[in-house]
Each structure stands twice: as C-alpha cells, then as structure tokens.
Amino acid sequence: MRIRIKLSLLYLVIALVLVTIIVYYLQGYLRVSHPQSSLPTPIMYAVEYFNEQYSNQTLLVPSQYYNETVGLMRNNNVLAENDTEYAELMFGSAKSNKAEFVLTDLGLLYNLSYFYGLIGETAPSLVEFSGNYSVKNYSSAYQQCLSFIDKIDAFYLCGVYYGNTRVGNATLVQFPNNSTIYVASGTYFLLPSSTTTYTQFIPTTTGAANRVDGVVFSYIGRASFYIPPSLLSTMFGRNEFAASNSTVSNFWGAEIIKVN
C-alpha cells in the first residue's frame, strides 16, 4: 500500500522544522552569548577610559558593580571588591591597602545609609529637589533666578540686586516642611559634554541671615540635592561635587579617583 504525499506539504513540513531549529539556536545565542547589561553607561565609559590610560593597576569598586565591571578590565588592570574598605575610604578617614584607584558615581547618594552603616556612622540627611527649572524673580532683591521648585521645597540660584544693579549671586534653599528661606554657600552644576564631565561652582557672594554651610548640587534635568558639609568633606564629596586633581576619569557623574 502506497501513501501519497503532496510535494508542497512535504516542503512545508521541512520549512517548519528548519525554522524551529533556527529559532532554538538563535534564542540560545542571545541568552548565553549576549546578555543585557544593567551597568550604567557612565561607569562603563569611565572604566574603559581608565583602561586606556593605565596598566597593572588595582581598581576598588562597590560590590554592586563588580560582576559587570570585571569583564571590562584591560591592560592587566584588576578589580578589588570590599564594601567595608570602600566605605572607610570614601566616607571615613581610612587609606586603601589594596588599590591605587577607586570607582564612584552619583548613584551612591541613594545608598548612603548602607555604606555609612558599614563604618558604624549615621548617614547625613540629603534633601532632593527637582532637576527641572524655570526662570523668574523671587523678590526685588533676588531676580533672574533659576527656580527648581518641587511640591514642598525649592532652591533658587539668583542674581542679587541693589536697586537696578546686580551686586552678586545667591543660592536660596527652602527645605521640606519649612517656610524659612536659607542661603547656602553656593551651587555646583554638573555640565556633561560629549567626552567628559565638568562641574561649575557658582558661590554665594553676598551676606545674608539664615546661612547654611552646605551647597546645592544640580544635575539639570535629572535631580538636585542639598549636600551638607559633613558629606562634602569626605573623599566622595570632594571629588564628586568639586574639581579635584585626583580624578583621572569622569563621565556624567561616574568617576575614577587616584587614592594613593
């Protein structure tokens, strides 16, 4: 007894088998060979630039970035991972025994309690403002202000006027649930370019009551923070918010700092 099979049906079956095989291997290729990375792009660029400039060096990183950063190392550079040592170095007064360089980024602002907890200290309290602004006058004395206003707090970078004459600059801060306007020491702006990152500091140049010693750091379009003096004086604060000769690689808030 002969079974007749139409050629068109046979070709269709063969095609379906081939497609199934191709899809199977393609899924395996994508899953195994090309996993998606959650490593922030600024960190990737900072590490790659570091590898171009240095060789045979040790880079200390937070544990959260270790697994995805280790594959980026070149020129015999290696990674070290120790969150306690990292916290002591960045937020305490210790020196690193393992590394000549350390990686940091703005993401640490959201994880300060963890790192300060590792060194048995209480993290400084940050106030976050909007990253978006408008331009308006605050008063007759404070005009042409960059106004970063949220629902219950705000900060303003203003020109200070005496009559029609501009006599200086001032950073005004209104903290949450507080109607008092304070005058901070100044504003740092993060200014990213196509290749690196710069910070520009605009100091408060006029005297006023209700002074606070901290500064406001603003990454326009992203976020703004009031940085208290206790954080500004740490290695993290000095290098992340102020120009430092220790910074060797800097991309949009991700930095590699020479520590030894």
Protein backbone atom coordinates (compact mmCIF):
# COMPACT_ATOMS: atom_id res chain seq x y z
CA MET A 1 0.00 0.00 0.00
CA ARG A 2 1.48 3.31 -1.05
CA ILE A 3 0.92 6.60 0.76
CA ARG A 4 0.99 9.63 -1.46
CA ILE A 5 2.26 12.92 -0.02
CA LYS A 6 1.97 16.12 -1.92
CA LEU A 7 5.34 17.78 -2.50
CA SER A 8 4.00 21.13 -1.33
CA LEU A 9 3.04 19.62 2.04
CA LEU A 10 6.46 17.97 2.36
CA TYR A 11 8.23 21.24 1.66
CA LEU A 12 6.07 22.97 4.26
CA VAL A 13 6.99 20.38 6.92
CA ILE A 14 10.70 20.72 6.12
CA ALA A 15 10.46 24.52 6.30
CA LEU A 16 8.76 24.38 9.71
CA VAL A 17 11.47 22.06 11.05
CA LEU A 18 14.23 24.36 9.78
CA VAL A 19 12.57 27.45 11.29
CA THR A 20 12.19 25.65 14.62
CA ILE A 21 15.89 24.72 14.65
CA ILE A 22 16.98 28.25 13.74
CA VAL A 23 14.78 29.84 16.42
CA TYR A 24 16.08 27.37 19.02
CA TYR A 25 19.73 28.17 18.35
CA LEU A 26 19.09 31.89 17.99
CA GLN A 27 17.40 32.01 21.40
CA GLY A 28 20.32 30.17 22.95
CA TYR A 29 22.79 32.52 21.29
CA LEU A 30 21.02 35.60 22.58
CA ARG A 31 20.55 34.16 26.04
CA VAL A 32 24.10 32.86 26.56
CA SER A 33 26.37 34.99 24.41
CA HIS A 34 24.76 38.41 24.59
CA PRO A 35 23.17 39.05 28.00
CA GLN A 36 21.80 42.51 28.59
CA SER A 37 23.91 44.62 30.97
CA SER A 38 22.48 46.82 33.70
CA LEU A 39 25.82 48.57 34.24
CA PRO A 40 25.24 52.33 33.96
CA THR A 41 26.74 53.73 30.79
CA PRO A 42 28.78 56.45 32.58
CA ILE A 43 30.53 53.79 34.67
CA MET A 44 31.30 51.72 31.59
CA TYR A 45 32.84 54.74 29.84
CA ALA A 46 34.83 55.76 32.92
CA VAL A 47 36.30 52.26 33.29
CA GLU A 48 37.12 51.96 29.60
CA TYR A 49 38.89 55.34 29.63
CA PHE A 50 40.81 54.29 32.76
CA ASN A 51 41.99 51.14 30.99
CA GLU A 52 43.32 53.18 28.10
CA GLN A 53 45.41 55.36 30.43
CA TYR A 54 46.73 52.87 32.98
CA SER A 55 48.06 49.32 33.22
CA ASN A 56 48.90 46.89 36.04
CA GLN A 57 46.71 48.81 38.50
CA THR A 58 44.03 47.78 41.01
CA LEU A 59 40.64 49.49 40.94
CA LEU A 60 38.43 49.27 44.05
CA VAL A 61 34.69 49.15 43.24
CA PRO A 62 31.45 48.71 45.21
CA SER A 63 30.20 45.13 45.17
CA GLN A 64 27.08 46.10 43.22
CA TYR A 65 29.21 46.85 40.15
CA TYR A 66 31.84 44.14 40.48
CA ASN A 67 30.34 41.32 38.39
CA GLU A 68 29.57 43.51 35.39
CA THR A 69 32.75 45.57 35.58
CA VAL A 70 35.27 42.75 35.86
CA GLY A 71 34.80 41.83 32.20
CA LEU A 72 35.75 45.35 31.11
CA MET A 73 39.26 45.28 32.58
CA ARG A 74 42.20 45.53 30.17
CA ASN A 75 45.97 46.16 30.24
CA ASN A 76 46.44 43.87 33.25
CA ASN A 77 44.27 46.12 35.41
CA VAL A 78 42.30 44.21 38.03
CA LEU A 79 39.34 44.85 40.31
CA ALA A 80 39.12 44.70 44.10
CA GLU A 81 35.79 44.38 45.90
CA ASN A 82 35.27 45.12 49.59
CA ASP A 83 32.34 47.29 50.62
CA THR A 84 33.64 47.95 54.14
CA GLU A 85 37.02 49.10 52.89
CA TYR A 86 35.23 51.09 50.21
CA ALA A 87 33.04 52.82 52.80
CA GLU A 88 36.02 53.57 55.06
CA LEU A 89 37.88 55.10 52.15
CA MET A 90 35.06 57.12 50.59
CA PHE A 91 33.21 58.27 53.72
CA GLY A 92 35.69 57.76 56.55
CA SER A 93 39.33 58.60 57.02
CA ALA A 94 40.99 55.28 56.12
CA LYS A 95 43.51 54.65 53.38
CA SER A 96 43.25 51.81 50.89
CA ASN A 97 45.68 48.92 51.30
CA LYS A 98 44.59 47.16 48.12
CA ALA A 99 44.00 49.74 45.44
CA GLU A 100 45.55 52.77 43.81
CA PHE A 101 42.23 53.83 42.28
CA VAL A 102 38.57 53.79 43.31
CA LEU A 103 35.33 53.99 41.31
CA THR A 104 32.46 56.20 42.45
CA ASP A 105 29.28 57.62 40.96
CA LEU A 106 26.23 59.70 41.82
CA GLY A 107 24.22 56.55 42.46
CA LEU A 108 25.86 56.34 45.89
CA LEU A 109 23.69 59.25 47.00
CA TYR A 110 20.75 56.84 47.12
CA ASN A 111 22.68 54.24 49.14
CA LEU A 112 24.46 56.31 51.78
CA SER A 113 22.79 54.56 54.71
CA TYR A 114 24.30 51.23 53.63
CA PHE A 115 27.88 52.48 53.34
CA TYR A 116 27.77 54.63 56.47
CA GLY A 117 26.31 51.66 58.33
CA LEU A 118 29.38 49.61 57.42
CA ILE A 119 31.59 52.08 59.29
CA GLY A 120 29.18 52.45 62.21
CA GLU A 121 28.10 56.00 61.43
CA THR A 122 24.81 57.70 60.64
CA ALA A 123 24.46 58.84 57.05
CA PRO A 124 23.95 62.57 56.50
CA SER A 125 20.42 63.59 55.59
CA LEU A 126 20.07 64.73 52.00
CA VAL A 127 17.30 66.90 50.58
CA GLU A 128 16.40 66.22 46.96
CA PHE A 129 14.92 68.93 44.76
CA SER A 130 13.61 68.94 41.24
CA GLY A 131 16.07 68.74 38.37
CA ASN A 132 13.92 70.97 36.17
CA TYR A 133 13.82 74.73 36.38
CA SER A 134 12.16 77.90 35.19
CA VAL A 135 13.45 81.47 35.24
CA LYS A 136 11.65 84.03 37.35
CA ASN A 137 12.20 86.69 40.00
CA TYR A 138 11.95 85.66 43.63
CA SER A 139 11.82 89.21 45.05
CA SER A 140 13.09 92.71 44.30
CA ALA A 141 16.44 91.72 45.80
CA TYR A 142 16.68 88.26 44.20
CA GLN A 143 16.00 88.38 40.47
CA GLN A 144 16.56 86.31 37.32
CA CYS A 145 16.51 83.12 39.39
CA LEU A 146 16.91 79.59 38.12
CA SER A 147 14.00 78.18 40.11
CA PHE A 148 14.00 74.45 40.91
CA ILE A 149 10.63 74.01 42.59
CA ASP A 150 9.02 70.82 43.86
CA LYS A 151 5.75 70.42 45.74
CA ILE A 152 7.02 71.27 49.21
CA ASP A 153 10.57 72.51 48.74
CA ALA A 154 12.70 74.50 46.34
CA PHE A 155 16.03 76.08 45.66
CA TYR A 156 16.85 79.15 43.64
CA LEU A 157 20.07 80.40 42.09
CA CYS A 158 19.54 84.15 41.86
CA GLY A 159 21.25 87.35 40.97
CA VAL A 160 21.35 89.70 43.96
CA TYR A 161 20.23 93.24 43.09
CA TYR A 162 20.58 96.55 44.86
CA GLY A 163 18.19 98.79 43.00
CA ASN A 164 18.85 98.09 39.34
CA THR A 165 22.43 96.97 39.92
CA ARG A 166 23.42 93.34 40.23
CA VAL A 167 25.85 93.02 43.11
CA GLY A 168 26.31 89.25 43.40
CA ASN A 169 24.81 85.76 43.39
CA ALA A 170 22.98 83.74 46.00
CA THR A 171 21.67 80.19 46.37
CA LEU A 172 18.36 80.16 48.26
CA VAL A 173 17.10 76.94 49.83
CA GLN A 174 13.65 76.13 51.18
CA PHE A 175 13.70 72.78 52.96
CA PRO A 176 10.66 70.49 53.16
CA ASN A 177 8.03 71.50 55.73
CA ASN A 178 9.92 74.69 56.49
CA SER A 179 8.84 78.11 55.29
CA THR A 180 12.21 79.73 56.11
CA ILE A 181 14.45 80.64 53.20
CA TYR A 182 18.10 79.81 53.86
CA VAL A 183 21.14 80.99 51.93
CA ALA A 184 23.56 78.17 51.04
CA SER A 185 27.23 78.57 50.26
CA GLY A 186 26.70 78.07 46.54
CA THR A 187 25.59 75.80 43.72
CA TYR A 188 27.54 73.15 41.83
CA PHE A 189 26.25 72.35 38.35
CA LEU A 190 27.14 69.13 36.58
CA LEU A 191 27.85 70.01 32.95
CA PRO A 192 28.23 66.91 30.75
CA SER A 193 29.82 67.17 27.33
CA SER A 194 30.27 64.54 24.62
CA THR A 195 33.55 63.29 26.11
CA THR A 196 33.71 64.10 29.81
CA THR A 197 32.04 65.94 32.68
CA TYR A 198 32.75 69.28 34.29
CA THR A 199 31.45 70.88 37.44
CA GLN A 200 30.91 74.61 37.69
CA PHE A 201 30.64 76.24 41.09
CA ILE A 202 28.66 79.47 41.49
CA PRO A 203 29.30 80.75 45.01
CA THR A 204 27.01 82.88 47.11
CA THR A 205 28.79 86.22 47.04
CA THR A 206 26.56 88.29 49.28
CA GLY A 207 25.98 88.20 53.02
CA ALA A 208 22.58 87.29 54.44
CA ALA A 209 20.90 85.93 57.51
CA ASN A 210 19.88 82.27 57.81
CA ARG A 211 23.10 80.96 56.31
CA VAL A 212 23.76 77.22 55.93
CA ASP A 213 27.24 75.95 55.13
CA GLY A 214 26.31 73.28 52.63
CA VAL A 215 25.92 73.59 48.86
CA VAL A 216 23.32 72.59 46.31
CA PHE A 217 24.39 70.15 43.61
CA SER A 218 22.28 70.16 40.44
CA TYR A 219 22.32 67.78 37.51
CA ILE A 220 19.92 69.76 35.33
CA GLY A 221 17.01 67.71 34.08
CA ARG A 222 17.78 64.84 36.47
CA ALA A 223 17.91 65.87 40.13
CA SER A 224 19.26 68.40 42.60
CA PHE A 225 20.47 67.82 46.16
CA TYR A 226 21.41 69.89 49.18
CA ILE A 227 24.80 68.50 50.21
CA PRO A 228 25.62 69.13 53.89
CA PRO A 229 29.21 69.96 54.92
CA SER A 230 29.70 66.54 56.54
CA LEU A 231 29.29 64.82 53.17
CA LEU A 232 31.08 67.49 51.16
CA SER A 233 34.22 66.99 53.25
CA THR A 234 34.52 63.25 52.50
CA MET A 235 36.57 61.82 49.65
CA PHE A 236 33.30 61.11 47.86
CA GLY A 237 32.04 64.66 48.35
CA ARG A 238 35.28 66.40 47.45
CA ASN A 239 35.68 64.50 44.21
CA GLU A 240 32.06 64.15 43.14
CA PHE A 241 30.99 67.75 43.64
CA ALA A 242 34.17 69.78 43.36
CA ALA A 243 37.03 69.90 40.88
CA SER A 244 39.82 67.61 42.06
CA ASN A 245 43.26 66.79 40.72
CA SER A 246 42.74 63.24 42.00
CA THR A 247 40.06 62.48 39.38
CA VAL A 248 41.51 60.62 36.40
CA SER A 249 38.30 59.60 34.60
CA ASN A 250 34.99 61.43 34.71
CA PHE A 251 31.83 60.73 32.71
CA TRP A 252 28.44 62.17 33.69
CA GLY A 253 28.91 61.72 37.43
CA ALA A 254 30.87 58.46 37.31
CA GLU A 255 34.48 59.00 38.39
CA ILE A 256 37.66 57.08 38.95
CA ILE A 257 39.84 58.65 41.62
CA LYS A 258 43.52 58.12 42.37
CA VAL A 259 43.70 57.49 46.11
CA ASN A 260 47.36 56.51 46.68
